[in-house]
């Protein structure tokens, strides 16, 4: 799957995954679990549709590619999400990138509205202060993504959202702490 969001294609892929699981087992408990997972996938696909439509109303295009996780391209007003991720992860990544869109508008957020501070200056990028600003922005984008989900009435599981958020944030924490001295 790559390109723009096509709900029928996502549903078809989900159904094929479910059918493969069903073919591999006859155990009732495994079949019930597979059915519950398929149902959740279909719910997530519908929620992705809602968020993609919300982004479109803001002039932001959502595309799916081989790229890992997700990225928000402020200048292009484009969100790129991993086509290889499970739909629930795609949904959470998408909400997070929408959070970047929401805080990336100068007119709405003075603190983060210009993106990471001096992100094009290699001298600044290696400084601890810059890394901390990036980390702060990541937390804020996740927070805004959660708030957007609530505003759109999406029935997300907070524990799952927080688990994916923690997994993603941990990579930024490691990067921010790597070879960094607060005096930089």
N, C-alpha and C. Protein backbone atom coordinates (compact mmCIF):
# COMPACT_ATOMS: atom_id res chain seq x y z
N UNK A 1 0.83 -1.18 0.00
CA UNK A 1 0.00 0.00 0.00
C UNK A 1 0.87 1.24 0.00
N UNK A 2 0.75 2.04 -1.00
CA UNK A 2 1.37 3.35 -0.97
C UNK A 2 0.52 4.29 -1.80
N UNK A 3 0.67 5.56 -1.54
CA UNK A 3 -0.13 6.57 -2.22
C UNK A 3 -1.13 7.19 -1.27
N UNK A 4 -2.25 7.64 -1.82
CA UNK A 4 -3.26 8.27 -0.99
C UNK A 4 -4.13 7.22 -0.31
N UNK A 5 -4.90 7.65 0.65
CA UNK A 5 -5.75 6.75 1.41
C UNK A 5 -6.92 6.28 0.56
N UNK A 6 -7.11 4.99 0.52
CA UNK A 6 -8.21 4.36 -0.21
C UNK A 6 -8.87 3.38 0.76
N UNK A 7 -9.98 3.78 1.34
CA UNK A 7 -10.61 2.99 2.40
C UNK A 7 -10.95 1.58 1.94
N UNK A 8 -11.38 1.42 0.71
CA UNK A 8 -11.72 0.08 0.22
C UNK A 8 -10.49 -0.82 0.15
N UNK A 9 -9.38 -0.24 -0.25
CA UNK A 9 -8.12 -1.00 -0.31
C UNK A 9 -7.67 -1.41 1.09
N UNK A 10 -7.78 -0.47 2.05
CA UNK A 10 -7.39 -0.78 3.44
C UNK A 10 -8.28 -1.89 3.98
N UNK A 11 -9.58 -1.79 3.74
CA UNK A 11 -10.51 -2.82 4.21
C UNK A 11 -10.20 -4.18 3.58
N UNK A 12 -9.92 -4.17 2.30
CA UNK A 12 -9.60 -5.41 1.58
C UNK A 12 -8.34 -6.05 2.15
N UNK A 13 -7.30 -5.25 2.40
CA UNK A 13 -6.06 -5.77 2.98
C UNK A 13 -6.32 -6.34 4.37
N UNK A 14 -7.15 -5.66 5.15
CA UNK A 14 -7.48 -6.13 6.48
C UNK A 14 -8.21 -7.47 6.41
N UNK A 15 -9.15 -7.60 5.49
CA UNK A 15 -9.89 -8.85 5.33
C UNK A 15 -8.96 -9.98 4.92
N UNK A 16 -8.01 -9.70 4.03
CA UNK A 16 -7.04 -10.73 3.60
C UNK A 16 -6.18 -11.18 4.77
N UNK A 17 -5.74 -10.24 5.61
CA UNK A 17 -4.95 -10.62 6.80
C UNK A 17 -5.77 -11.52 7.71
N UNK A 18 -7.04 -11.17 7.91
CA UNK A 18 -7.93 -11.97 8.75
C UNK A 18 -8.10 -13.38 8.18
N UNK A 19 -8.33 -13.47 6.89
CA UNK A 19 -8.52 -14.77 6.25
C UNK A 19 -7.27 -15.66 6.38
N UNK A 20 -6.09 -15.06 6.26
CA UNK A 20 -4.85 -15.84 6.43
C UNK A 20 -4.76 -16.40 7.84
N UNK A 21 -5.14 -15.61 8.84
CA UNK A 21 -5.12 -16.09 10.22
C UNK A 21 -6.10 -17.24 10.42
N UNK A 22 -7.27 -17.09 9.86
CA UNK A 22 -8.31 -18.12 9.99
C UNK A 22 -7.87 -19.44 9.36
N UNK A 23 -7.21 -19.36 8.22
CA UNK A 23 -6.75 -20.57 7.52
C UNK A 23 -5.69 -21.33 8.32
N UNK A 24 -4.95 -20.61 9.16
CA UNK A 24 -3.84 -21.24 9.89
C UNK A 24 -4.28 -21.97 11.16
N UNK A 25 -5.53 -21.82 11.57
CA UNK A 25 -5.92 -22.44 12.83
C UNK A 25 -7.37 -22.91 12.80
N UNK A 26 -7.66 -23.81 13.70
CA UNK A 26 -9.04 -24.28 13.89
C UNK A 26 -9.47 -24.03 15.35
N UNK A 27 -8.55 -23.56 16.18
CA UNK A 27 -8.86 -23.31 17.58
C UNK A 27 -9.85 -22.16 17.71
N UNK A 28 -10.89 -22.41 18.46
CA UNK A 28 -11.94 -21.42 18.63
C UNK A 28 -11.41 -20.14 19.29
N UNK A 29 -10.56 -20.29 20.29
CA UNK A 29 -10.04 -19.11 21.00
C UNK A 29 -9.18 -18.24 20.08
N UNK A 30 -8.39 -18.89 19.22
CA UNK A 30 -7.54 -18.15 18.28
C UNK A 30 -8.41 -17.45 17.23
N UNK A 31 -9.45 -18.14 16.79
CA UNK A 31 -10.38 -17.56 15.81
C UNK A 31 -11.11 -16.35 16.40
N UNK A 32 -11.51 -16.45 17.66
CA UNK A 32 -12.19 -15.34 18.32
C UNK A 32 -11.26 -14.13 18.46
N UNK A 33 -10.02 -14.41 18.80
CA UNK A 33 -9.04 -13.33 18.92
C UNK A 33 -8.78 -12.68 17.56
N UNK A 34 -8.66 -13.49 16.53
CA UNK A 34 -8.45 -12.97 15.18
C UNK A 34 -9.63 -12.12 14.73
N UNK A 35 -10.82 -12.55 15.07
CA UNK A 35 -12.01 -11.79 14.70
C UNK A 35 -12.05 -10.44 15.43
N UNK A 36 -11.70 -10.45 16.70
CA UNK A 36 -11.66 -9.20 17.47
C UNK A 36 -10.61 -8.25 16.90
N UNK A 37 -9.44 -8.79 16.53
CA UNK A 37 -8.39 -7.96 15.93
C UNK A 37 -8.85 -7.37 14.60
N UNK A 38 -9.52 -8.19 13.79
CA UNK A 38 -10.02 -7.71 12.50
C UNK A 38 -11.04 -6.59 12.71
N UNK A 39 -11.95 -6.79 13.67
CA UNK A 39 -12.95 -5.77 13.96
C UNK A 39 -12.29 -4.46 14.38
N UNK A 40 -11.26 -4.55 15.22
CA UNK A 40 -10.55 -3.34 15.67
C UNK A 40 -9.85 -2.67 14.49
N UNK A 41 -9.27 -3.46 13.60
CA UNK A 41 -8.63 -2.90 12.40
C UNK A 41 -9.62 -2.12 11.56
N UNK A 42 -10.81 -2.69 11.37
CA UNK A 42 -11.84 -2.01 10.57
C UNK A 42 -12.24 -0.69 11.24
N UNK A 43 -12.34 -0.69 12.57
CA UNK A 43 -12.62 0.55 13.30
C UNK A 43 -11.52 1.58 13.06
N UNK A 44 -10.28 1.14 13.14
CA UNK A 44 -9.14 2.05 12.96
C UNK A 44 -9.10 2.61 11.54
N UNK A 45 -9.43 1.78 10.58
CA UNK A 45 -9.46 2.23 9.19
C UNK A 45 -10.51 3.33 9.02
N UNK A 46 -11.65 3.16 9.64
CA UNK A 46 -12.69 4.20 9.59
C UNK A 46 -12.19 5.48 10.26
N UNK A 47 -11.48 5.34 11.38
CA UNK A 47 -10.96 6.53 12.07
C UNK A 47 -9.88 7.21 11.23
N UNK A 48 -9.07 6.43 10.51
CA UNK A 48 -8.07 7.02 9.61
C UNK A 48 -8.80 7.87 8.57
N UNK A 49 -9.89 7.34 8.03
CA UNK A 49 -10.67 8.09 7.04
C UNK A 49 -11.11 9.44 7.61
N UNK A 50 -11.60 9.44 8.83
CA UNK A 50 -12.07 10.67 9.47
C UNK A 50 -10.92 11.68 9.60
N UNK A 51 -9.76 11.21 10.03
CA UNK A 51 -8.61 12.10 10.23
C UNK A 51 -8.07 12.59 8.88
N UNK A 52 -8.01 11.73 7.89
CA UNK A 52 -7.56 12.14 6.55
C UNK A 52 -8.49 13.23 6.01
N UNK A 53 -9.79 13.05 6.20
CA UNK A 53 -10.75 14.08 5.76
C UNK A 53 -10.57 15.37 6.53
N UNK A 54 -10.31 15.27 7.84
CA UNK A 54 -10.06 16.47 8.65
C UNK A 54 -8.82 17.20 8.10
N UNK A 55 -7.75 16.46 7.83
CA UNK A 55 -6.53 17.07 7.30
C UNK A 55 -6.81 17.77 5.97
N UNK A 56 -7.60 17.13 5.12
CA UNK A 56 -7.91 17.72 3.82
C UNK A 56 -8.63 19.06 3.98
N UNK A 57 -9.49 19.18 4.98
CA UNK A 57 -10.19 20.45 5.20
C UNK A 57 -9.22 21.54 5.65
N UNK A 58 -8.05 21.14 6.11
CA UNK A 58 -7.01 22.10 6.53
C UNK A 58 -5.98 22.30 5.43
N UNK A 59 -6.25 21.75 4.25
CA UNK A 59 -5.33 21.90 3.12
C UNK A 59 -4.09 21.03 3.23
N UNK A 60 -4.16 19.99 4.06
CA UNK A 60 -3.02 19.10 4.26
C UNK A 60 -3.31 17.75 3.61
N UNK A 61 -2.38 17.30 2.80
CA UNK A 61 -2.52 16.03 2.10
C UNK A 61 -1.88 14.93 2.94
N UNK A 62 -2.51 13.77 2.96
CA UNK A 62 -1.97 12.60 3.67
C UNK A 62 -1.61 11.55 2.63
N UNK A 63 -0.36 11.10 2.66
CA UNK A 63 0.09 10.05 1.75
C UNK A 63 0.70 8.92 2.57
N UNK A 64 0.68 7.74 2.01
CA UNK A 64 1.23 6.55 2.66
C UNK A 64 2.38 6.06 1.80
N UNK A 65 3.51 5.76 2.46
CA UNK A 65 4.70 5.33 1.71
C UNK A 65 5.48 4.31 2.53
N UNK A 66 6.65 3.95 2.02
CA UNK A 66 7.52 2.98 2.70
C UNK A 66 8.25 3.60 3.88
N UNK A 67 8.16 4.89 4.04
CA UNK A 67 8.83 5.60 5.13
C UNK A 67 8.40 5.03 6.48
N UNK A 68 9.32 5.01 7.41
CA UNK A 68 9.01 4.52 8.76
C UNK A 68 8.15 5.54 9.51
N UNK A 69 7.22 5.06 10.31
CA UNK A 69 6.34 5.86 11.16
C UNK A 69 5.64 6.97 10.38
N UNK A 70 6.03 8.23 10.61
CA UNK A 70 5.37 9.34 9.96
C UNK A 70 6.20 10.60 10.01
N UNK A 71 5.84 11.55 9.16
CA UNK A 71 6.51 12.85 9.14
C UNK A 71 5.52 13.89 8.64
N UNK A 72 5.65 15.10 9.17
CA UNK A 72 4.85 16.22 8.69
C UNK A 72 5.78 17.17 7.94
N UNK A 73 5.48 17.39 6.69
CA UNK A 73 6.27 18.31 5.86
C UNK A 73 5.53 19.64 5.81
N UNK A 74 5.96 20.54 6.70
CA UNK A 74 5.28 21.82 6.89
C UNK A 74 5.18 22.61 5.60
N UNK A 75 6.29 22.74 4.88
CA UNK A 75 6.30 23.55 3.66
C UNK A 75 5.37 23.01 2.58
N UNK A 76 5.21 21.69 2.52
CA UNK A 76 4.35 21.07 1.52
C UNK A 76 2.92 20.84 2.02
N UNK A 77 2.71 21.08 3.33
CA UNK A 77 1.45 20.74 3.98
C UNK A 77 1.07 19.31 3.63
N UNK A 78 2.00 18.40 3.95
CA UNK A 78 1.84 17.00 3.62
C UNK A 78 2.26 16.14 4.81
N UNK A 79 1.45 15.13 5.08
CA UNK A 79 1.76 14.15 6.11
C UNK A 79 2.05 12.84 5.39
N UNK A 80 3.18 12.22 5.76
CA UNK A 80 3.56 10.94 5.18
C UNK A 80 3.52 9.90 6.30
N UNK A 81 2.78 8.83 6.07
CA UNK A 81 2.60 7.77 7.07
C UNK A 81 3.07 6.45 6.48
N UNK A 82 3.65 5.60 7.33
CA UNK A 82 4.11 4.30 6.89
C UNK A 82 2.95 3.44 6.39
N UNK A 83 3.08 2.98 5.16
CA UNK A 83 2.07 2.09 4.59
C UNK A 83 2.20 0.68 5.15
N UNK A 84 3.34 0.38 5.76
CA UNK A 84 3.59 -0.97 6.27
C UNK A 84 3.14 -1.16 7.71
N UNK A 85 2.80 -0.08 8.37
CA UNK A 85 2.37 -0.18 9.77
C UNK A 85 0.94 -0.73 9.83
N UNK A 86 0.62 -1.32 10.96
CA UNK A 86 -0.73 -1.81 11.23
C UNK A 86 -1.66 -0.58 11.26
N UNK A 87 -2.92 -0.71 10.83
CA UNK A 87 -3.83 0.44 10.81
C UNK A 87 -3.93 1.20 12.13
N UNK A 88 -3.87 0.50 13.25
CA UNK A 88 -3.95 1.22 14.53
C UNK A 88 -2.73 2.11 14.73
N UNK A 89 -1.56 1.62 14.35
CA UNK A 89 -0.35 2.44 14.42
C UNK A 89 -0.43 3.59 13.42
N UNK A 90 -0.91 3.30 12.22
CA UNK A 90 -1.06 4.35 11.22
C UNK A 90 -1.92 5.48 11.79
N UNK A 91 -3.01 5.11 12.44
CA UNK A 91 -3.92 6.09 13.03
C UNK A 91 -3.20 6.95 14.07
N UNK A 92 -2.45 6.32 14.94
CA UNK A 92 -1.76 7.07 15.99
C UNK A 92 -0.66 7.95 15.40
N UNK A 93 0.09 7.43 14.44
CA UNK A 93 1.11 8.24 13.78
C UNK A 93 0.46 9.43 13.08
N UNK A 94 -0.67 9.18 12.43
CA UNK A 94 -1.38 10.24 11.71
C UNK A 94 -1.86 11.32 12.67
N UNK A 95 -2.42 10.93 13.80
CA UNK A 95 -2.85 11.91 14.79
C UNK A 95 -1.67 12.73 15.30
N UNK A 96 -0.55 12.08 15.54
CA UNK A 96 0.65 12.78 15.99
C UNK A 96 1.12 13.80 14.95
N UNK A 97 1.14 13.40 13.69
CA UNK A 97 1.58 14.32 12.64
C UNK A 97 0.58 15.46 12.46
N UNK A 98 -0.70 15.18 12.67
CA UNK A 98 -1.69 16.26 12.67
C UNK A 98 -1.41 17.21 13.83
N UNK A 99 -0.93 16.66 14.95
CA UNK A 99 -0.52 17.50 16.07
C UNK A 99 0.59 18.45 15.66
N UNK A 100 1.55 17.96 14.86
CA UNK A 100 2.61 18.85 14.35
C UNK A 100 2.00 19.93 13.47
N UNK A 101 1.03 19.56 12.65
CA UNK A 101 0.35 20.55 11.81
C UNK A 101 -0.29 21.63 12.69
N UNK A 102 -0.98 21.19 13.74
CA UNK A 102 -1.67 22.14 14.61
C UNK A 102 -0.72 23.09 15.33
N UNK A 103 0.43 22.60 15.77
CA UNK A 103 1.36 23.48 16.48
C UNK A 103 2.33 24.16 15.53
N UNK A 104 2.32 23.75 14.26
CA UNK A 104 3.25 24.31 13.29
C UNK A 104 2.74 25.54 12.59
N UNK A 105 1.61 26.06 13.02
CA UNK A 105 1.08 27.26 12.39
C UNK A 105 1.43 28.46 13.26
N UNK A 106 2.24 29.36 12.72
CA UNK A 106 2.71 30.53 13.48
C UNK A 106 1.57 31.31 14.11
N UNK A 107 0.47 31.43 13.38
CA UNK A 107 -0.64 32.24 13.88
C UNK A 107 -1.35 31.60 15.08
N UNK A 108 -1.14 30.29 15.30
CA UNK A 108 -1.82 29.62 16.41
C UNK A 108 -0.90 29.25 17.57
N UNK A 109 0.38 29.15 17.32
CA UNK A 109 1.26 28.75 18.41
C UNK A 109 2.62 29.42 18.28
N UNK A 110 2.80 30.43 19.08
CA UNK A 110 4.03 31.23 19.03
C UNK A 110 5.28 30.40 19.34
N UNK A 111 5.16 29.47 20.27
CA UNK A 111 6.33 28.72 20.72
C UNK A 111 6.85 27.72 19.69
N UNK A 112 5.95 26.95 19.07
CA UNK A 112 6.37 25.91 18.14
C UNK A 112 6.08 26.27 16.68
N UNK A 113 5.47 27.42 16.45
CA UNK A 113 4.97 27.78 15.13
C UNK A 113 6.00 27.90 14.03
N UNK A 114 7.26 27.96 14.36
CA UNK A 114 8.28 28.06 13.31
C UNK A 114 9.07 26.77 13.20
N UNK A 115 8.57 25.70 13.76
CA UNK A 115 9.27 24.42 13.67
C UNK A 115 10.40 24.34 14.69
N UNK A 116 11.20 23.32 14.57
CA UNK A 116 12.32 23.16 15.48
C UNK A 116 13.24 24.37 15.35
N UNK A 117 13.70 24.91 16.47
CA UNK A 117 14.53 26.12 16.41
C UNK A 117 15.81 25.92 15.59
N UNK A 118 15.97 26.76 14.61
CA UNK A 118 17.18 26.79 13.76
C UNK A 118 17.57 25.40 13.25
N UNK A 119 16.58 24.64 12.83
CA UNK A 119 16.81 23.25 12.41
C UNK A 119 17.77 23.12 11.22
N UNK A 120 18.01 24.19 10.50
CA UNK A 120 18.90 24.12 9.34
C UNK A 120 20.34 24.53 9.67
N UNK A 121 20.61 24.85 10.91
CA UNK A 121 21.94 25.29 11.31
C UNK A 121 22.64 24.15 12.07
N UNK A 122 23.62 23.47 11.43
CA UNK A 122 24.27 22.31 12.08
C UNK A 122 24.94 22.67 13.41
N UNK A 123 25.38 23.90 13.55
CA UNK A 123 26.04 24.33 14.79
C UNK A 123 25.03 24.33 15.95
N UNK A 124 23.81 24.73 15.64
CA UNK A 124 22.77 24.78 16.66
C UNK A 124 22.19 23.38 16.90
N UNK A 125 22.04 22.60 15.84
CA UNK A 125 21.40 21.29 15.94
C UNK A 125 22.10 20.34 16.89
N UNK A 126 23.39 20.49 17.08
CA UNK A 126 24.10 19.56 17.97
C UNK A 126 24.01 19.98 19.44
N UNK A 127 23.44 21.12 19.70
CA UNK A 127 23.35 21.62 21.08
C UNK A 127 22.19 20.97 21.84
N UNK A 128 22.43 20.79 23.12
CA UNK A 128 21.45 20.17 24.00
C UNK A 128 20.15 20.97 24.02
N UNK A 129 20.24 22.28 24.02
CA UNK A 129 19.06 23.13 24.06
C UNK A 129 18.16 22.86 22.85
N UNK A 130 18.76 22.71 21.68
CA UNK A 130 17.99 22.39 20.48
C UNK A 130 17.31 21.02 20.62
N UNK A 131 18.05 20.06 21.13
CA UNK A 131 17.48 18.72 21.29
C UNK A 131 16.31 18.73 22.26
N UNK A 132 16.44 19.52 23.32
CA UNK A 132 15.34 19.61 24.29
C UNK A 132 14.12 20.28 23.65
N UNK A 133 14.34 21.29 22.81
CA UNK A 133 13.23 21.95 22.12
C UNK A 133 12.52 20.95 21.20
N UNK A 134 13.29 20.12 20.53
CA UNK A 134 12.70 19.09 19.66
C UNK A 134 11.87 18.11 20.48
N UNK A 135 12.41 17.71 21.62
CA UNK A 135 11.70 16.78 22.50
C UNK A 135 10.39 17.40 23.00
N UNK A 136 10.46 18.67 23.39
CA UNK A 136 9.24 19.36 23.82
C UNK A 136 8.20 19.39 22.72
N UNK A 137 8.64 19.65 21.50
CA UNK A 137 7.70 19.70 20.39
C UNK A 137 7.08 18.33 20.14
N UNK A 138 7.84 17.27 20.28
CA UNK A 138 7.30 15.93 20.09
C UNK A 138 6.21 15.64 21.13
N UNK A 139 6.46 15.98 22.38
CA UNK A 139 5.45 15.79 23.42
C UNK A 139 4.19 16.58 23.09
N UNK A 140 4.38 17.83 22.68
CA UNK A 140 3.23 18.68 22.37
C UNK A 140 2.44 18.14 21.18
N UNK A 141 3.12 17.63 20.16
CA UNK A 141 2.43 17.08 18.99
C UNK A 141 1.60 15.85 19.38
N UNK A 142 2.13 14.99 20.26
CA UNK A 142 1.35 13.84 20.72
C UNK A 142 0.13 14.32 21.52
N UNK A 143 0.33 15.33 22.36
CA UNK A 143 -0.77 15.87 23.15
C UNK A 143 -1.86 16.44 22.24
N UNK A 144 -1.45 17.21 21.24
CA UNK A 144 -2.42 17.79 20.30
C UNK A 144 -3.12 16.71 19.48
N UNK A 145 -2.40 15.66 19.12
CA UNK A 145 -3.01 14.55 18.39
C UNK A 145 -4.11 13.89 19.21
N UNK A 146 -3.84 13.70 20.52
CA UNK A 146 -4.85 13.11 21.40
C UNK A 146 -6.07 14.03 21.50
N UNK A 147 -5.82 15.33 21.67
CA UNK A 147 -6.93 16.28 21.76
C UNK A 147 -7.75 16.30 20.47
N UNK A 148 -7.09 16.20 19.33
CA UNK A 148 -7.80 16.15 18.05
C UNK A 148 -8.69 14.91 17.99
N UNK A 149 -8.17 13.77 18.42
CA UNK A 149 -8.96 12.54 18.43
C UNK A 149 -10.22 12.72 19.29
N UNK A 150 -10.08 13.34 20.43
CA UNK A 150 -11.22 13.59 21.32
C UNK A 150 -12.22 14.51 20.63
N UNK A 151 -11.72 15.58 20.00
CA UNK A 151 -12.59 16.54 19.33
C UNK A 151 -13.35 15.89 18.17
N UNK A 152 -12.71 14.96 17.47
CA UNK A 152 -13.35 14.27 16.36
C UNK A 152 -14.23 13.11 16.81
N UNK A 153 -14.23 12.84 18.12
CA UNK A 153 -15.07 11.78 18.68
C UNK A 153 -14.57 10.38 18.36
N UNK A 154 -13.26 10.22 18.19
CA UNK A 154 -12.71 8.91 17.86
C UNK A 154 -12.59 8.06 19.12
N UNK A 155 -13.07 6.82 19.08
CA UNK A 155 -13.02 5.95 20.26
C UNK A 155 -11.66 5.27 20.42
N UNK A 156 -10.66 6.05 20.75
CA UNK A 156 -9.31 5.50 20.92
C UNK A 156 -9.14 4.89 22.30
N UNK A 157 -8.25 3.93 22.39
CA UNK A 157 -7.85 3.36 23.66
C UNK A 157 -6.65 4.17 24.15
N UNK A 158 -6.82 4.85 25.28
CA UNK A 158 -5.77 5.74 25.82
C UNK A 158 -4.49 4.97 26.13
N UNK A 159 -4.62 3.76 26.66
CA UNK A 159 -3.43 2.97 26.98
C UNK A 159 -2.63 2.62 25.73
N UNK A 160 -3.32 2.25 24.66
CA UNK A 160 -2.63 1.93 23.41
C UNK A 160 -1.98 3.18 22.83
N UNK A 161 -2.71 4.29 22.84
CA UNK A 161 -2.17 5.56 22.34
C UNK A 161 -0.90 5.92 23.12
N UNK A 162 -0.98 5.86 24.45
CA UNK A 162 0.18 6.20 25.29
C UNK A 162 1.34 5.24 25.09
N UNK A 163 1.05 3.98 24.85
CA UNK A 163 2.11 2.99 24.61
C UNK A 163 2.88 3.31 23.32
N UNK A 164 2.15 3.61 22.25
CA UNK A 164 2.79 3.96 20.98
C UNK A 164 3.53 5.29 21.12
N UNK A 165 2.91 6.24 21.81
CA UNK A 165 3.56 7.53 22.06
C UNK A 165 4.87 7.32 22.81
N UNK A 166 4.85 6.51 23.86
CA UNK A 166 6.06 6.27 24.66
C UNK A 166 7.16 5.61 23.85
N UNK A 167 6.76 4.66 23.03
CA UNK A 167 7.71 3.98 22.16
C UNK A 167 8.40 4.98 21.21
N UNK A 168 7.61 5.86 20.63
CA UNK A 168 8.16 6.85 19.68
C UNK A 168 8.99 7.92 20.41
N UNK A 169 8.47 8.40 21.53
CA UNK A 169 9.17 9.45 22.29
C UNK A 169 10.51 8.93 22.81
N UNK A 170 10.57 7.66 23.17
CA UNK A 170 11.81 7.12 23.74
C UNK A 170 12.99 7.27 22.77
N UNK A 171 12.72 7.18 21.48
CA UNK A 171 13.81 7.35 20.51
C UNK A 171 14.32 8.79 20.55
N UNK A 172 13.42 9.75 20.73
CA UNK A 172 13.83 11.16 20.84
C UNK A 172 14.59 11.41 22.13
N UNK A 173 14.15 10.77 23.22
CA UNK A 173 14.83 10.94 24.50
C UNK A 173 16.27 10.43 24.39
N UNK A 174 16.45 9.26 23.79
CA UNK A 174 17.80 8.71 23.62
C UNK A 174 18.65 9.63 22.75
N UNK A 175 18.05 10.14 21.66
CA UNK A 175 18.77 11.06 20.77
C UNK A 175 19.14 12.35 21.50
N UNK A 176 18.21 12.89 22.30
CA UNK A 176 18.46 14.15 23.00
C UNK A 176 19.56 14.00 24.05
N UNK A 177 19.62 12.83 24.67
CA UNK A 177 20.60 12.60 25.73
C UNK A 177 21.97 12.20 25.19
N UNK A 178 22.02 11.71 23.97
CA UNK A 178 23.26 11.19 23.39
C UNK A 178 24.30 12.30 23.26
N UNK A 179 25.44 12.08 23.89
CA UNK A 179 26.57 12.99 23.82
C UNK A 179 26.21 14.43 24.10
N UNK A 180 25.20 14.63 24.92
CA UNK A 180 24.75 15.99 25.19
C UNK A 180 25.15 16.44 26.59
N UNK A 181 25.50 17.68 26.66
CA UNK A 181 25.81 18.30 27.92
C UNK A 181 24.90 19.53 28.05
N UNK A 182 24.18 19.67 29.17
CA UNK A 182 23.29 20.81 29.32
C UNK A 182 23.99 22.16 29.15
N UNK A 183 25.31 22.19 29.28
CA UNK A 183 26.03 23.45 29.13
C UNK A 183 26.26 23.80 27.67
N UNK A 184 25.96 22.88 26.73
CA UNK A 184 26.16 23.16 25.31
C UNK A 184 25.23 24.24 24.85
